């Protein structure tokens, strides 16, 4: 799928470039024809002076240059999109950390991540079930600034093993009245890539569509 998209983009880019090149040539020819007609029909008593002629010729270069610049920029845009699509296709099937709070418990284990902008004294993982009820709370060891990952063993506060399935989580930082919530990251798998002329997006195994720039880590 990705290779097909790349070919399509390259073809479109070539067509756009050729079209703009032709447009630039047409503009130049039209401008020269108008200038020639102006010189042929000029008033002998008030002929076109050198300064005005130079100005007219400079306008031809400007019009042609702008058109060629637009053509070049469009070609670069298509080329960058094709390159990004090719690179993004290699993500399919890979595990990644994306912005989110989903936590999948499978075979008694669930992985996730969080981001700390500054070091904190205390960080706790709070896990909730589908109803939003807190089912587990664990102290996290990584409290320095940076991106961190964790593995939850699927047990609640009493040590009881919970059923496999989908949960949500948050990471609370600080203590007492100074408790805040850190940005959380979901571990998921890339199912497909959606290249476009703008930002490339990926679809994860949960069906979420995420901007490629929101991928924090890849395995």
N, C-alpha and C. Protein backbone atom coordinates (compact mmCIF):
# COMPACT_ATOMS: atom_id res chain seq x y z
N UNK A 1 0.83 -1.21 0.00
CA UNK A 1 0.00 0.00 0.00
C UNK A 1 0.87 1.26 0.00
N UNK A 2 1.88 1.29 0.89
CA UNK A 2 2.71 2.48 1.02
C UNK A 2 3.49 2.74 -0.25
N UNK A 3 3.99 1.64 -0.90
CA UNK A 3 4.78 1.80 -2.11
C UNK A 3 3.93 2.39 -3.22
N UNK A 4 2.66 1.93 -3.29
CA UNK A 4 1.74 2.46 -4.29
C UNK A 4 1.51 3.94 -4.10
N UNK A 5 1.34 4.36 -2.84
CA UNK A 5 1.13 5.77 -2.55
C UNK A 5 2.33 6.60 -2.94
N UNK A 6 3.53 6.04 -2.69
CA UNK A 6 4.75 6.77 -3.02
C UNK A 6 4.83 7.00 -4.52
N UNK A 7 4.51 5.96 -5.30
CA UNK A 7 4.55 6.09 -6.76
C UNK A 7 3.57 7.14 -7.23
N UNK A 8 2.38 7.14 -6.63
CA UNK A 8 1.36 8.11 -7.00
C UNK A 8 1.81 9.52 -6.73
N UNK A 9 2.43 9.75 -5.58
CA UNK A 9 2.90 11.08 -5.23
C UNK A 9 3.98 11.55 -6.18
N UNK A 10 4.91 10.63 -6.54
CA UNK A 10 6.00 11.00 -7.41
C UNK A 10 5.47 11.40 -8.78
N UNK A 11 4.49 10.65 -9.29
CA UNK A 11 3.89 10.95 -10.58
C UNK A 11 3.21 12.30 -10.56
N UNK A 12 2.45 12.56 -9.48
CA UNK A 12 1.74 13.83 -9.35
C UNK A 12 2.73 14.98 -9.29
N UNK A 13 3.84 14.76 -8.57
CA UNK A 13 4.85 15.80 -8.45
C UNK A 13 5.45 16.12 -9.79
N UNK A 14 5.74 15.08 -10.62
CA UNK A 14 6.31 15.28 -11.94
C UNK A 14 5.35 16.04 -12.83
N UNK A 15 4.06 15.64 -12.79
CA UNK A 15 3.05 16.32 -13.60
C UNK A 15 2.92 17.78 -13.21
N UNK A 16 2.91 18.05 -11.88
CA UNK A 16 2.77 19.42 -11.40
C UNK A 16 3.96 20.26 -11.83
N UNK A 17 5.17 19.64 -11.75
CA UNK A 17 6.38 20.35 -12.13
C UNK A 17 6.36 20.69 -13.61
N UNK A 18 5.96 19.73 -14.46
CA UNK A 18 5.90 19.94 -15.91
C UNK A 18 4.88 21.02 -16.25
N UNK A 19 3.74 20.98 -15.56
CA UNK A 19 2.67 21.94 -15.81
C UNK A 19 3.13 23.35 -15.48
N UNK A 20 3.82 23.51 -14.34
CA UNK A 20 4.27 24.84 -13.94
C UNK A 20 5.39 25.34 -14.85
N UNK A 21 6.23 24.41 -15.32
CA UNK A 21 7.29 24.80 -16.24
C UNK A 21 6.67 25.33 -17.54
N UNK A 22 5.62 24.64 -18.02
CA UNK A 22 4.92 25.07 -19.22
C UNK A 22 4.26 26.43 -18.99
N UNK A 23 3.69 26.62 -17.80
CA UNK A 23 3.04 27.88 -17.47
C UNK A 23 4.05 29.02 -17.48
N UNK A 24 5.23 28.76 -16.94
CA UNK A 24 6.28 29.79 -16.91
C UNK A 24 6.67 30.19 -18.33
N UNK A 25 6.79 29.18 -19.23
CA UNK A 25 7.15 29.45 -20.62
C UNK A 25 6.05 30.26 -21.31
N UNK A 26 4.80 29.90 -21.05
CA UNK A 26 3.68 30.63 -21.65
C UNK A 26 3.66 32.08 -21.19
N UNK A 27 3.91 32.29 -19.88
CA UNK A 27 3.93 33.65 -19.35
C UNK A 27 5.01 34.49 -20.02
N UNK A 28 6.19 33.88 -20.21
CA UNK A 28 7.29 34.60 -20.83
C UNK A 28 6.95 34.97 -22.27
N UNK A 29 6.41 34.00 -23.02
CA UNK A 29 6.06 34.25 -24.42
C UNK A 29 4.99 35.32 -24.55
N UNK A 30 4.00 35.26 -23.66
CA UNK A 30 2.91 36.24 -23.68
C UNK A 30 3.44 37.65 -23.38
N UNK A 31 4.33 37.72 -22.38
CA UNK A 31 4.90 39.00 -21.98
C UNK A 31 5.73 39.59 -23.12
N UNK A 32 6.54 38.75 -23.77
CA UNK A 32 7.37 39.22 -24.88
C UNK A 32 6.51 39.69 -26.05
N UNK A 33 5.42 38.96 -26.31
CA UNK A 33 4.52 39.35 -27.40
C UNK A 33 3.92 40.73 -27.13
N UNK A 34 3.50 40.95 -25.88
CA UNK A 34 2.92 42.25 -25.52
C UNK A 34 3.96 43.36 -25.64
N UNK A 35 5.20 43.07 -25.21
CA UNK A 35 6.25 44.08 -25.27
C UNK A 35 6.60 44.41 -26.72
N UNK A 36 6.65 43.37 -27.56
CA UNK A 36 6.94 43.59 -28.99
C UNK A 36 5.86 44.45 -29.64
N UNK A 37 4.61 44.14 -29.33
CA UNK A 37 3.50 44.92 -29.88
C UNK A 37 3.56 46.36 -29.40
N UNK A 38 3.96 46.55 -28.14
CA UNK A 38 4.05 47.90 -27.59
C UNK A 38 5.13 48.69 -28.32
N UNK A 39 6.27 48.05 -28.59
CA UNK A 39 7.37 48.73 -29.28
C UNK A 39 7.00 49.02 -30.74
N UNK A 40 6.28 48.07 -31.36
CA UNK A 40 5.89 48.26 -32.77
C UNK A 40 4.89 49.41 -32.92
N UNK A 41 4.03 49.58 -31.94
CA UNK A 41 2.98 50.60 -32.02
C UNK A 41 3.28 51.85 -31.21
N UNK A 42 4.53 51.99 -30.77
CA UNK A 42 4.86 53.15 -29.94
C UNK A 42 4.79 54.45 -30.76
N UNK A 43 4.62 55.54 -30.06
CA UNK A 43 4.56 56.87 -30.69
C UNK A 43 5.98 57.28 -31.07
N UNK A 44 6.24 57.52 -32.34
CA UNK A 44 7.60 57.92 -32.77
C UNK A 44 8.09 59.17 -32.05
N UNK A 45 7.14 60.03 -31.66
CA UNK A 45 7.53 61.26 -30.98
C UNK A 45 7.76 61.04 -29.49
N UNK A 46 7.31 59.89 -29.01
CA UNK A 46 7.49 59.58 -27.59
C UNK A 46 7.85 58.09 -27.44
N UNK A 47 9.02 57.71 -27.94
CA UNK A 47 9.40 56.29 -27.95
C UNK A 47 9.65 55.75 -26.54
N UNK A 48 9.63 54.43 -26.47
CA UNK A 48 9.90 53.74 -25.20
C UNK A 48 11.36 53.95 -24.84
N UNK A 49 11.64 54.55 -23.65
CA UNK A 49 13.03 54.81 -23.30
C UNK A 49 13.70 53.55 -22.74
N UNK A 50 15.03 53.62 -22.62
CA UNK A 50 15.82 52.46 -22.19
C UNK A 50 15.45 52.00 -20.78
N UNK A 51 15.19 52.97 -19.90
CA UNK A 51 14.87 52.62 -18.51
C UNK A 51 13.58 51.82 -18.44
N UNK A 52 12.58 52.27 -19.24
CA UNK A 52 11.30 51.56 -19.22
C UNK A 52 11.43 50.18 -19.85
N UNK A 53 12.24 50.09 -20.92
CA UNK A 53 12.46 48.81 -21.57
C UNK A 53 13.14 47.82 -20.62
N UNK A 54 14.14 48.32 -19.90
CA UNK A 54 14.84 47.47 -18.91
C UNK A 54 13.89 46.98 -17.84
N UNK A 55 13.01 47.89 -17.40
CA UNK A 55 12.02 47.53 -16.37
C UNK A 55 11.09 46.43 -16.87
N UNK A 56 10.65 46.56 -18.14
CA UNK A 56 9.74 45.56 -18.72
C UNK A 56 10.43 44.20 -18.80
N UNK A 57 11.70 44.19 -19.22
CA UNK A 57 12.44 42.93 -19.33
C UNK A 57 12.67 42.30 -17.95
N UNK A 58 12.89 43.15 -16.95
CA UNK A 58 13.08 42.64 -15.59
C UNK A 58 11.82 41.96 -15.08
N UNK A 59 10.66 42.51 -15.49
CA UNK A 59 9.39 41.91 -15.08
C UNK A 59 9.22 40.51 -15.66
N UNK A 60 9.73 40.32 -16.89
CA UNK A 60 9.66 38.99 -17.49
C UNK A 60 10.43 37.99 -16.64
N UNK A 61 11.64 38.38 -16.22
CA UNK A 61 12.47 37.49 -15.40
C UNK A 61 11.80 37.20 -14.07
N UNK A 62 11.16 38.24 -13.50
CA UNK A 62 10.50 38.06 -12.21
C UNK A 62 9.34 37.09 -12.31
N UNK A 63 8.49 37.28 -13.32
CA UNK A 63 7.33 36.41 -13.51
C UNK A 63 7.77 34.96 -13.72
N UNK A 64 8.79 34.79 -14.59
CA UNK A 64 9.29 33.44 -14.86
C UNK A 64 9.91 32.83 -13.62
N UNK A 65 10.68 33.66 -12.89
CA UNK A 65 11.34 33.15 -11.68
C UNK A 65 10.36 32.71 -10.62
N UNK A 66 9.31 33.50 -10.41
CA UNK A 66 8.31 33.15 -9.41
C UNK A 66 7.61 31.85 -9.78
N UNK A 67 7.27 31.71 -11.06
CA UNK A 67 6.59 30.50 -11.50
C UNK A 67 7.48 29.28 -11.32
N UNK A 68 8.77 29.44 -11.68
CA UNK A 68 9.71 28.33 -11.52
C UNK A 68 9.93 28.01 -10.05
N UNK A 69 9.93 29.04 -9.19
CA UNK A 69 10.09 28.82 -7.75
C UNK A 69 8.90 28.02 -7.22
N UNK A 70 7.69 28.40 -7.65
CA UNK A 70 6.50 27.65 -7.22
C UNK A 70 6.59 26.20 -7.66
N UNK A 71 7.08 25.99 -8.89
CA UNK A 71 7.22 24.63 -9.40
C UNK A 71 8.20 23.83 -8.56
N UNK A 72 9.32 24.47 -8.21
CA UNK A 72 10.34 23.80 -7.40
C UNK A 72 9.81 23.46 -6.01
N UNK A 73 9.09 24.40 -5.40
CA UNK A 73 8.56 24.16 -4.05
C UNK A 73 7.54 23.03 -4.06
N UNK A 74 6.69 22.97 -5.09
CA UNK A 74 5.71 21.89 -5.18
C UNK A 74 6.42 20.55 -5.33
N UNK A 75 7.46 20.53 -6.16
CA UNK A 75 8.21 19.28 -6.36
C UNK A 75 8.86 18.83 -5.06
N UNK A 76 9.44 19.78 -4.32
CA UNK A 76 10.05 19.44 -3.03
C UNK A 76 9.01 18.90 -2.06
N UNK A 77 7.81 19.51 -2.06
CA UNK A 77 6.75 19.05 -1.17
C UNK A 77 6.35 17.61 -1.47
N UNK A 78 6.18 17.30 -2.77
CA UNK A 78 5.83 15.93 -3.15
C UNK A 78 6.96 14.96 -2.80
N UNK A 79 8.21 15.39 -3.02
CA UNK A 79 9.35 14.51 -2.74
C UNK A 79 9.46 14.21 -1.26
N UNK A 80 9.29 15.24 -0.42
CA UNK A 80 9.36 15.04 1.03
C UNK A 80 8.24 14.13 1.50
N UNK A 81 7.04 14.30 0.93
CA UNK A 81 5.92 13.44 1.30
C UNK A 81 6.19 12.00 0.93
N UNK A 82 6.79 11.77 -0.25
CA UNK A 82 7.09 10.41 -0.68
C UNK A 82 8.14 9.78 0.21
N UNK A 83 9.18 10.56 0.57
CA UNK A 83 10.23 10.04 1.43
C UNK A 83 9.69 9.68 2.80
N UNK A 84 8.85 10.55 3.37
CA UNK A 84 8.28 10.28 4.69
C UNK A 84 7.37 9.06 4.64
N UNK A 85 6.63 8.89 3.54
CA UNK A 85 5.75 7.73 3.42
C UNK A 85 6.56 6.44 3.39
N UNK A 86 7.69 6.45 2.67
CA UNK A 86 8.53 5.27 2.59
C UNK A 86 9.10 4.91 3.95
N UNK A 87 9.59 5.92 4.67
CA UNK A 87 10.17 5.67 5.99
C UNK A 87 9.09 5.22 6.98
N UNK A 88 7.91 5.82 6.90
CA UNK A 88 6.84 5.49 7.84
C UNK A 88 6.33 4.07 7.64
N UNK A 89 6.39 3.56 6.41
CA UNK A 89 5.90 2.21 6.13
C UNK A 89 6.65 1.17 6.94
N UNK A 90 7.90 1.44 7.29
CA UNK A 90 8.69 0.49 8.07
C UNK A 90 8.21 0.38 9.51
N UNK A 91 7.31 1.28 9.93
CA UNK A 91 6.79 1.24 11.30
C UNK A 91 5.71 0.19 11.49
N UNK A 92 5.09 -0.25 10.41
CA UNK A 92 3.98 -1.21 10.52
C UNK A 92 4.46 -2.48 11.23
N UNK A 93 3.72 -2.86 12.28
CA UNK A 93 4.07 -4.04 13.06
C UNK A 93 5.00 -3.75 14.22
N UNK A 94 5.55 -2.54 14.28
CA UNK A 94 6.47 -2.19 15.37
C UNK A 94 5.70 -1.72 16.60
N UNK A 95 6.29 -1.93 17.77
CA UNK A 95 5.70 -1.42 19.01
C UNK A 95 6.19 0.00 19.23
N UNK A 96 5.27 0.87 19.65
CA UNK A 96 5.62 2.27 19.85
C UNK A 96 4.95 2.82 21.11
N UNK A 97 5.52 3.89 21.62
CA UNK A 97 4.90 4.65 22.71
C UNK A 97 4.25 5.88 22.12
N UNK A 98 2.94 6.02 22.32
CA UNK A 98 2.19 7.16 21.81
C UNK A 98 1.53 7.89 22.97
N UNK A 99 1.21 9.15 22.76
CA UNK A 99 0.46 9.90 23.77
C UNK A 99 -0.88 9.21 24.01
N UNK A 100 -1.20 8.93 25.27
CA UNK A 100 -2.46 8.26 25.59
C UNK A 100 -2.42 7.65 26.97
N UNK A 101 -3.58 7.16 27.44
CA UNK A 101 -3.65 6.58 28.78
C UNK A 101 -4.24 5.17 28.78
N UNK A 102 -4.28 4.53 27.60
CA UNK A 102 -4.79 3.15 27.53
C UNK A 102 -3.71 2.18 28.01
N UNK A 103 -4.15 1.15 28.71
CA UNK A 103 -3.23 0.16 29.28
C UNK A 103 -3.83 -1.23 29.04
N UNK A 104 -3.14 -2.05 28.27
CA UNK A 104 -3.63 -3.38 27.94
C UNK A 104 -2.94 -4.43 28.82
N UNK A 105 -3.74 -5.11 29.63
CA UNK A 105 -3.21 -6.18 30.49
C UNK A 105 -3.36 -7.51 29.75
N UNK A 106 -2.24 -8.16 29.47
CA UNK A 106 -2.25 -9.43 28.75
C UNK A 106 -1.25 -10.38 29.40
N UNK A 107 -1.73 -11.57 29.75
CA UNK A 107 -0.89 -12.58 30.40
C UNK A 107 -0.24 -12.02 31.67
N UNK A 108 -1.02 -11.24 32.40
CA UNK A 108 -0.55 -10.72 33.68
C UNK A 108 0.51 -9.64 33.58
N UNK A 109 0.56 -8.91 32.47
CA UNK A 109 1.56 -7.85 32.33
C UNK A 109 1.03 -6.74 31.43
N UNK A 110 1.33 -5.50 31.81
CA UNK A 110 0.94 -4.34 31.00
C UNK A 110 2.05 -3.31 31.04
N UNK A 111 2.38 -2.75 29.88
CA UNK A 111 3.46 -1.76 29.78
C UNK A 111 2.90 -0.40 29.37
N UNK A 112 3.52 0.64 29.88
CA UNK A 112 3.13 2.00 29.55
C UNK A 112 4.30 2.94 29.79
N UNK A 113 4.03 4.23 29.71
CA UNK A 113 5.09 5.21 29.92
C UNK A 113 4.55 6.53 30.42
N UNK A 114 5.46 7.41 30.77
CA UNK A 114 5.09 8.74 31.25
C UNK A 114 6.27 9.68 31.05
N UNK A 115 5.97 10.97 31.08
CA UNK A 115 6.99 11.99 30.84
C UNK A 115 7.05 12.95 32.02
N UNK A 116 8.24 13.16 32.54
CA UNK A 116 8.45 14.13 33.63
C UNK A 116 9.29 15.28 33.10
N UNK A 117 8.77 16.48 33.18
CA UNK A 117 9.51 17.65 32.69
C UNK A 117 10.59 18.07 33.68
N UNK A 118 10.38 17.75 34.95
CA UNK A 118 11.36 18.05 36.00
C UNK A 118 11.43 16.86 36.96
N UNK A 119 12.50 16.74 37.74
CA UNK A 119 12.56 15.67 38.74
C UNK A 119 11.47 15.87 39.79
N UNK A 120 10.93 14.75 40.30
CA UNK A 120 9.90 14.82 41.35
C UNK A 120 10.31 13.89 42.49
N UNK A 121 9.73 14.13 43.66
CA UNK A 121 10.05 13.30 44.81
C UNK A 121 9.24 12.01 44.84
N UNK A 122 8.05 12.06 44.25
CA UNK A 122 7.18 10.89 44.31
C UNK A 122 6.35 10.78 43.04
N UNK A 123 6.23 9.55 42.52
CA UNK A 123 5.41 9.29 41.34
C UNK A 123 4.67 7.97 41.55
N UNK A 124 3.35 8.00 41.32
CA UNK A 124 2.55 6.80 41.52
C UNK A 124 1.72 6.47 40.29
N UNK A 125 1.68 5.20 39.96
CA UNK A 125 0.84 4.70 38.88
C UNK A 125 -0.55 4.40 39.44
N UNK A 126 -1.57 4.99 38.84
CA UNK A 126 -2.96 4.75 39.26
C UNK A 126 -3.69 4.10 38.09
N UNK A 127 -4.16 2.86 38.31
CA UNK A 127 -4.83 2.10 37.25
C UNK A 127 -6.34 2.07 37.52
N UNK A 128 -7.12 2.28 36.45
CA UNK A 128 -8.59 2.27 36.58
C UNK A 128 -9.19 1.27 35.59
N UNK A 129 -10.33 0.70 35.98
CA UNK A 129 -11.01 -0.24 35.08
C UNK A 129 -11.90 0.51 34.10
N UNK A 130 -12.68 -0.24 33.32
CA UNK A 130 -13.52 0.37 32.29
C UNK A 130 -14.57 1.31 32.88
N UNK A 131 -14.94 1.11 34.14
CA UNK A 131 -15.93 1.97 34.80
C UNK A 131 -15.30 3.23 35.38
N UNK A 132 -13.97 3.33 35.32
CA UNK A 132 -13.28 4.49 35.89
C UNK A 132 -12.97 4.33 37.36
N UNK A 133 -13.16 3.12 37.89
CA UNK A 133 -12.87 2.85 39.30
C UNK A 133 -11.41 2.48 39.48
N UNK A 134 -10.76 3.09 40.46
CA UNK A 134 -9.36 2.76 40.73
C UNK A 134 -9.25 1.32 41.21
N UNK A 135 -8.36 0.56 40.56
CA UNK A 135 -8.19 -0.85 40.93
C UNK A 135 -6.77 -1.17 41.39
N UNK A 136 -5.85 -0.27 41.15
CA UNK A 136 -4.46 -0.51 41.58
C UNK A 136 -3.71 0.81 41.69
N UNK A 137 -2.75 0.82 42.60
CA UNK A 137 -1.90 2.00 42.79
C UNK A 137 -0.50 1.49 43.14
N UNK A 138 0.48 1.88 42.36
CA UNK A 138 1.85 1.41 42.55
C UNK A 138 2.82 2.60 42.53
N UNK A 139 3.84 2.53 43.38
CA UNK A 139 4.86 3.58 43.38
C UNK A 139 5.84 3.31 42.24
N UNK A 140 6.17 4.35 41.51
CA UNK A 140 7.11 4.23 40.39
C UNK A 140 8.50 4.66 40.83
N UNK A 141 9.50 3.94 40.35
CA UNK A 141 10.88 4.20 40.81
C UNK A 141 11.57 5.33 40.04
N UNK A 142 11.17 5.55 38.79
CA UNK A 142 11.83 6.58 37.98
C UNK A 142 11.19 7.95 38.22
N UNK A 143 11.94 8.84 38.88
CA UNK A 143 11.39 10.15 39.22
C UNK A 143 12.25 11.30 38.66
N UNK A 144 13.24 10.96 37.85
CA UNK A 144 14.06 12.00 37.23
C UNK A 144 13.35 12.55 35.99
N UNK A 145 13.78 13.72 35.53
CA UNK A 145 13.19 14.30 34.33
C UNK A 145 13.48 13.42 33.12
N UNK A 146 12.49 13.27 32.25
CA UNK A 146 12.69 12.47 31.04
C UNK A 146 11.49 11.59 30.73
N UNK A 147 11.64 10.74 29.72
CA UNK A 147 10.60 9.79 29.32
C UNK A 147 10.90 8.44 29.94
N UNK A 148 9.92 7.88 30.64
CA UNK A 148 10.13 6.62 31.37
C UNK A 148 9.07 5.59 30.97
N UNK A 149 9.42 4.32 31.13
CA UNK A 149 8.48 3.23 30.90
C UNK A 149 8.31 2.44 32.20
N UNK A 150 7.21 1.71 32.28
CA UNK A 150 6.95 0.88 33.46
C UNK A 150 6.24 -0.40 33.03
N UNK A 151 6.27 -1.39 33.90
CA UNK A 151 5.53 -2.63 33.68
C UNK A 151 4.67 -2.88 34.91
N UNK A 152 3.37 -2.98 34.70
CA UNK A 152 2.44 -3.29 35.78
C UNK A 152 2.17 -4.79 35.77
N UNK A 153 2.23 -5.41 36.95
CA UNK A 153 2.07 -6.86 37.03
C UNK A 153 0.61 -7.32 37.06
N UNK A 154 -0.32 -6.38 36.96
CA UNK A 154 -1.73 -6.74 36.90
C UNK A 154 -2.37 -7.07 38.23
N UNK A 155 -1.70 -6.74 39.33
CA UNK A 155 -2.29 -7.01 40.65
C UNK A 155 -2.84 -5.74 41.28
N UNK A 156 -3.85 -5.93 42.15
CA UNK A 156 -4.43 -4.78 42.84
C UNK A 156 -3.70 -4.53 44.15
N UNK A 157 -4.26 -3.65 44.99
CA UNK A 157 -3.62 -3.29 46.26
C UNK A 157 -3.46 -4.48 47.20
N UNK A 158 -4.31 -5.49 47.05
CA UNK A 158 -4.25 -6.68 47.92
C UNK A 158 -3.40 -7.79 47.33
N UNK A 159 -2.85 -7.53 46.15
CA UNK A 159 -2.03 -8.55 45.51
C UNK A 159 -2.81 -9.53 44.67
N UNK A 160 -4.10 -9.29 44.50
CA UNK A 160 -4.94 -10.17 43.69
C UNK A 160 -4.72 -9.91 42.20
N UNK A 161 -4.56 -10.98 41.45
CA UNK A 161 -4.34 -10.84 40.00
C UNK A 161 -5.66 -10.47 39.31
N UNK A 162 -5.64 -9.38 38.58
CA UNK A 162 -6.83 -8.91 37.87
C UNK A 162 -6.93 -9.55 36.49
N UNK A 163 -8.14 -9.52 35.95
CA UNK A 163 -8.37 -10.13 34.64
C UNK A 163 -7.66 -9.36 33.53
N UNK A 164 -7.21 -10.10 32.53
CA UNK A 164 -6.64 -9.45 31.35
C UNK A 164 -7.72 -8.61 30.67
N UNK A 165 -7.28 -7.54 30.02
CA UNK A 165 -8.24 -6.68 29.33
C UNK A 165 -7.72 -5.26 29.23
N UNK A 166 -8.62 -4.35 28.92
CA UNK A 166 -8.27 -2.94 28.73
C UNK A 166 -8.52 -2.13 30.00
N UNK A 167 -7.52 -1.35 30.38
CA UNK A 167 -7.60 -0.46 31.53
C UNK A 167 -7.11 0.92 31.10
N UNK A 168 -7.26 1.89 31.97
CA UNK A 168 -6.67 3.21 31.76
C UNK A 168 -5.77 3.52 32.95
N UNK A 169 -4.90 4.50 32.78
CA UNK A 169 -4.01 4.82 33.89
C UNK A 169 -3.64 6.30 33.88
N UNK A 170 -3.14 6.75 35.01
CA UNK A 170 -2.56 8.08 35.12
C UNK A 170 -1.37 7.99 36.05
N UNK A 171 -0.50 8.95 35.94
CA UNK A 171 0.68 9.00 36.80
C UNK A 171 0.60 10.27 37.63
N UNK A 172 0.42 10.09 38.93
CA UNK A 172 0.33 11.22 39.85
C UNK A 172 1.71 11.52 40.41
N UNK A 173 2.06 12.79 40.43
CA UNK A 173 3.37 13.21 40.94
C UNK A 173 3.18 14.19 42.09
N UNK A 174 4.11 14.18 43.03
CA UNK A 174 4.03 15.06 44.19
C UNK A 174 3.34 14.36 45.35
N UNK A 175 3.14 15.10 46.42
CA UNK A 175 2.51 14.53 47.61
C UNK A 175 1.59 15.55 48.27
N UNK A 176 0.67 15.06 49.07
CA UNK A 176 -0.24 15.93 49.82
C UNK A 176 -1.09 16.78 48.92
N UNK A 177 -1.05 18.09 49.18
CA UNK A 177 -1.86 19.02 48.39
C UNK A 177 -1.17 19.44 47.09
N UNK A 178 0.06 18.96 46.90
CA UNK A 178 0.83 19.34 45.72
C UNK A 178 0.89 18.20 44.70
N UNK A 179 -0.23 17.53 44.50
CA UNK A 179 -0.28 16.40 43.57
C UNK A 179 -0.71 16.88 42.18
N UNK A 180 0.06 16.46 41.19
CA UNK A 180 -0.26 16.78 39.80
C UNK A 180 -0.29 15.51 38.97
N UNK A 181 -0.56 15.65 37.69
CA UNK A 181 -0.63 14.49 36.80
C UNK A 181 0.37 14.69 35.66
N UNK A 182 1.19 13.68 35.42
CA UNK A 182 2.19 13.73 34.35
C UNK A 182 1.59 13.24 33.03
N UNK A 183 2.11 13.71 31.90
CA UNK A 183 1.66 13.19 30.60
C UNK A 183 1.93 11.69 30.51
N UNK A 184 0.96 10.94 30.00
CA UNK A 184 1.09 9.48 29.94
C UNK A 184 1.26 8.99 28.50
N UNK A 185 1.87 7.82 28.37
CA UNK A 185 2.15 7.23 27.07
C UNK A 185 1.65 5.80 27.02
N UNK A 186 0.98 5.44 25.94
CA UNK A 186 0.46 4.08 25.77
C UNK A 186 1.38 3.27 24.88
N UNK A 187 1.61 2.03 25.27
CA UNK A 187 2.37 1.12 24.44
C UNK A 187 1.39 0.42 23.50
N UNK A 188 1.64 0.50 22.22
CA UNK A 188 0.74 -0.11 21.24
C UNK A 188 1.53 -0.55 20.03
N UNK A 189 0.85 -1.07 19.05
CA UNK A 189 1.50 -1.55 17.83
C UNK A 189 0.91 -0.81 16.63
N UNK A 190 1.77 -0.47 15.67
CA UNK A 190 1.32 0.24 14.49
C UNK A 190 0.68 -0.75 13.51
N UNK A 191 -0.58 -0.49 13.17
CA UNK A 191 -1.31 -1.37 12.25
C UNK A 191 -1.17 -0.90 10.80
N UNK A 192 -1.15 0.41 10.59
CA UNK A 192 -1.02 0.94 9.23
C UNK A 192 -0.54 2.38 9.28
N UNK A 193 -0.13 2.87 8.12
CA UNK A 193 0.36 4.24 7.99
C UNK A 193 -0.48 4.96 6.95
N UNK A 194 -0.80 6.22 7.22
CA UNK A 194 -1.59 7.02 6.28
C UNK A 194 -0.79 8.24 5.84
N UNK A 195 0.04 8.08 4.79
CA UNK A 195 0.80 9.23 4.30
C UNK A 195 -0.11 10.23 3.63
N UNK A 196 0.25 11.51 3.70
CA UNK A 196 -0.54 12.55 3.05
C UNK A 196 0.39 13.70 2.72
N UNK A 197 -0.14 14.70 2.01
CA UNK A 197 0.66 15.87 1.66
C UNK A 197 0.99 16.69 2.89
N UNK A 198 0.21 16.51 3.96
CA UNK A 198 0.49 17.20 5.22
C UNK A 198 1.21 16.28 6.17
N UNK A 199 0.76 16.23 7.41
CA UNK A 199 1.40 15.39 8.41
C UNK A 199 0.99 13.93 8.22
N UNK A 200 1.98 13.03 8.26
CA UNK A 200 1.70 11.60 8.16
C UNK A 200 1.12 11.10 9.48
N UNK A 201 0.07 10.29 9.38
CA UNK A 201 -0.55 9.73 10.58
C UNK A 201 -0.42 8.21 10.56
N UNK A 202 -0.49 7.62 11.76
CA UNK A 202 -0.44 6.17 11.89
C UNK A 202 -1.70 5.69 12.61
N UNK A 203 -2.09 4.46 12.33
CA UNK A 203 -3.24 3.84 12.99
C UNK A 203 -2.70 2.73 13.88
N UNK A 204 -2.99 2.80 15.19
CA UNK A 204 -2.45 1.78 16.09
C UNK A 204 -3.40 0.59 16.19
N UNK A 205 -2.99 -0.40 16.98
CA UNK A 205 -3.76 -1.64 17.09
C UNK A 205 -5.11 -1.43 17.77
N UNK A 206 -5.30 -0.30 18.43
CA UNK A 206 -6.59 0.02 19.06
C UNK A 206 -7.51 0.79 18.12
N UNK A 207 -7.00 1.10 16.93
CA UNK A 207 -7.80 1.85 15.96
C UNK A 207 -7.66 3.35 16.08
N UNK A 208 -6.78 3.83 16.95
CA UNK A 208 -6.57 5.26 17.12
C UNK A 208 -5.71 5.81 15.98
N UNK A 209 -6.07 6.99 15.49
CA UNK A 209 -5.29 7.66 14.46
C UNK A 209 -4.43 8.73 15.14
N UNK A 210 -3.12 8.61 14.98
CA UNK A 210 -2.19 9.47 15.71
C UNK A 210 -1.20 10.11 14.75
N UNK A 211 -0.91 11.38 14.97
CA UNK A 211 0.11 12.06 14.19
C UNK A 211 1.47 11.43 14.45
N UNK A 212 2.24 11.24 13.40
CA UNK A 212 3.55 10.59 13.53
C UNK A 212 4.46 11.34 14.49
N UNK A 213 4.28 12.65 14.60
CA UNK A 213 5.12 13.44 15.50
C UNK A 213 4.86 13.13 16.97
N UNK A 214 3.74 12.42 17.26
CA UNK A 214 3.42 12.07 18.65
C UNK A 214 3.96 10.70 19.05
N UNK A 215 4.78 10.10 18.20
CA UNK A 215 5.44 8.84 18.54
C UNK A 215 6.68 9.17 19.37
N UNK A 216 6.72 8.66 20.61
CA UNK A 216 7.82 8.98 21.51
C UNK A 216 8.96 7.97 21.43
N UNK A 217 8.62 6.71 21.23
CA UNK A 217 9.64 5.67 21.25
C UNK A 217 9.20 4.51 20.36
N UNK A 218 10.18 3.87 19.72
CA UNK A 218 9.89 2.76 18.80
C UNK A 218 10.73 1.55 19.18
N UNK A 219 10.09 0.36 19.13
CA UNK A 219 10.82 -0.89 19.38
C UNK A 219 10.80 -1.75 18.13
